[in-house]
Amino acid sequence: MISTSINWGTLSGLVLLISWLFAVPVSGLQVWNLLNKRADPTPTVVRAALAKGSFGMLRLIGMPIASLTLFSQGWRLGPDLDLAVLFISIGWVAEIVVSASADYSAMGKR
């Protein structure tokens, strides 16, 4: 069955797919910047880099799956689930923007 309707679920899928294109390189830069802060990485820095790397891997795998699912099946959502998906998508994109802007400002202070 093919649907031609566009609703918040479908638009959220498109926004997540577009933000995924920027989120994956930013995740790699976050790990690179964290590991290159010091000449001798301490265990705390390595643990933080592993945490950011695991978030990056989740972004690499999870965002396209979620966005393509929402884009192709978003028209089936009821209004209450549609609103919940919109809020989750906004939160996901906001988290990416906040972390990327924090890394950019920290990189400028170097």
Protein backbone atom coordinates (compact mmCIF):
# COMPACT_ATOMS: atom_id res chain seq x y z
CA MET A 1 0.00 0.00 0.00
CA ILE A 2 1.36 3.40 -0.93
CA SER A 3 0.33 6.52 0.92
CA THR A 4 0.62 10.04 -0.38
CA SER A 5 -0.19 11.81 2.86
CA ILE A 6 2.39 13.89 4.65
CA ASN A 7 2.02 14.28 8.39
CA TRP A 8 4.27 14.97 11.38
CA GLY A 9 5.59 11.41 11.42
CA THR A 10 6.70 11.59 7.80
CA LEU A 11 8.20 15.05 8.24
CA SER A 12 10.00 13.90 11.40
CA GLY A 13 11.49 11.05 9.39
CA LEU A 14 12.80 13.50 6.80
CA VAL A 15 14.26 15.79 9.48
CA LEU A 16 15.98 12.86 11.18
CA LEU A 17 17.41 11.64 7.89
CA ILE A 18 18.79 15.09 7.05
CA SER A 19 20.23 15.56 10.55
CA TRP A 20 21.81 12.10 10.33
CA LEU A 21 24.00 13.37 7.49
CA PHE A 22 25.49 15.93 9.90
CA ALA A 23 25.41 13.84 13.09
CA VAL A 24 27.76 11.08 11.98
CA PRO A 25 30.76 13.31 11.09
CA VAL A 26 30.15 15.40 14.21
CA SER A 27 30.30 12.25 16.35
CA GLY A 28 33.64 11.34 14.83
CA LEU A 29 34.95 14.86 15.44
CA GLN A 30 33.79 14.72 19.06
CA VAL A 31 35.86 11.61 19.70
CA TRP A 32 38.84 13.01 17.80
CA ASN A 33 38.75 16.33 19.70
CA LEU A 34 38.41 14.55 23.02
CA LEU A 35 41.38 12.27 22.40
CA ASN A 36 43.59 15.06 21.02
CA LYS A 37 43.14 17.41 23.98
CA ARG A 38 46.14 15.99 25.80
CA ALA A 39 49.38 14.35 24.80
CA ASP A 40 48.78 11.52 27.29
CA PRO A 41 45.13 10.41 27.40
CA THR A 42 44.09 9.47 30.91
CA PRO A 43 41.66 6.62 31.60
CA THR A 44 38.92 9.18 32.26
CA VAL A 45 39.40 10.73 28.82
CA VAL A 46 39.46 7.30 27.17
CA ARG A 47 36.22 6.31 28.94
CA ALA A 48 34.59 9.56 27.81
CA ALA A 49 35.82 8.93 24.25
CA LEU A 50 34.39 5.40 24.34
CA ALA A 51 31.05 6.77 25.56
CA LYS A 52 30.94 9.38 22.81
CA GLY A 53 32.01 6.74 20.28
CA SER A 54 29.21 4.42 21.36
CA PHE A 55 26.70 7.27 21.02
CA GLY A 56 28.14 7.91 17.58
CA MET A 57 27.64 4.27 16.61
CA LEU A 58 24.05 4.41 17.84
CA ARG A 59 23.53 7.53 15.74
CA LEU A 60 25.13 5.83 12.75
CA ILE A 61 22.82 2.82 12.97
CA GLY A 62 19.71 4.05 14.79
CA MET A 63 18.94 7.32 13.07
CA PRO A 64 18.57 6.03 9.50
CA ILE A 65 16.50 3.07 10.68
CA ALA A 66 14.19 5.31 12.70
CA SER A 67 13.95 7.97 10.01
CA LEU A 68 13.20 5.57 7.17
CA THR A 69 10.64 3.76 9.32
CA LEU A 70 8.93 7.03 10.16
CA PHE A 71 9.07 8.20 6.57
CA SER A 72 7.57 5.03 5.17
CA GLN A 73 5.15 4.15 7.98
CA GLY A 74 4.51 7.52 9.60
CA TRP A 75 1.13 7.89 7.93
CA ARG A 76 -0.18 4.96 9.98
CA LEU A 77 0.36 6.70 13.32
CA GLY A 78 -2.59 7.98 15.26
CA PRO A 79 -2.64 11.61 16.36
CA ASP A 80 -1.33 10.89 19.86
CA LEU A 81 1.58 8.78 18.61
CA ASP A 82 2.21 11.33 15.89
CA LEU A 83 2.72 14.04 18.50
CA ALA A 84 4.95 11.78 20.60
CA VAL A 85 7.14 11.02 17.58
CA LEU A 86 7.39 14.72 16.83
CA PHE A 87 8.63 15.47 20.35
CA ILE A 88 11.12 12.61 20.28
CA SER A 89 12.47 13.77 16.92
CA ILE A 90 12.80 17.34 18.13
CA GLY A 91 14.66 16.13 21.20
CA TRP A 92 17.00 13.98 19.14
CA VAL A 93 17.88 16.83 16.78
CA ALA A 94 18.24 19.29 19.70
CA GLU A 95 20.69 16.93 21.42
CA ILE A 96 22.80 16.79 18.27
CA VAL A 97 22.77 20.57 17.83
CA VAL A 98 23.69 21.24 21.46
CA SER A 99 26.57 18.77 21.53
CA ALA A 100 27.89 19.95 18.16
CA SER A 101 27.76 23.62 19.15
CA ALA A 102 29.49 22.87 22.47
CA ASP A 103 32.28 21.06 20.62
CA TYR A 104 32.58 23.88 18.11
CA SER A 105 32.89 26.52 20.83
CA ALA A 106 35.42 24.38 22.72
CA MET A 107 37.42 23.94 19.52
CA GLY A 108 37.46 27.72 19.04
CA LYS A 109 38.92 28.24 22.52
CA ARG A 110 41.97 26.09 21.74
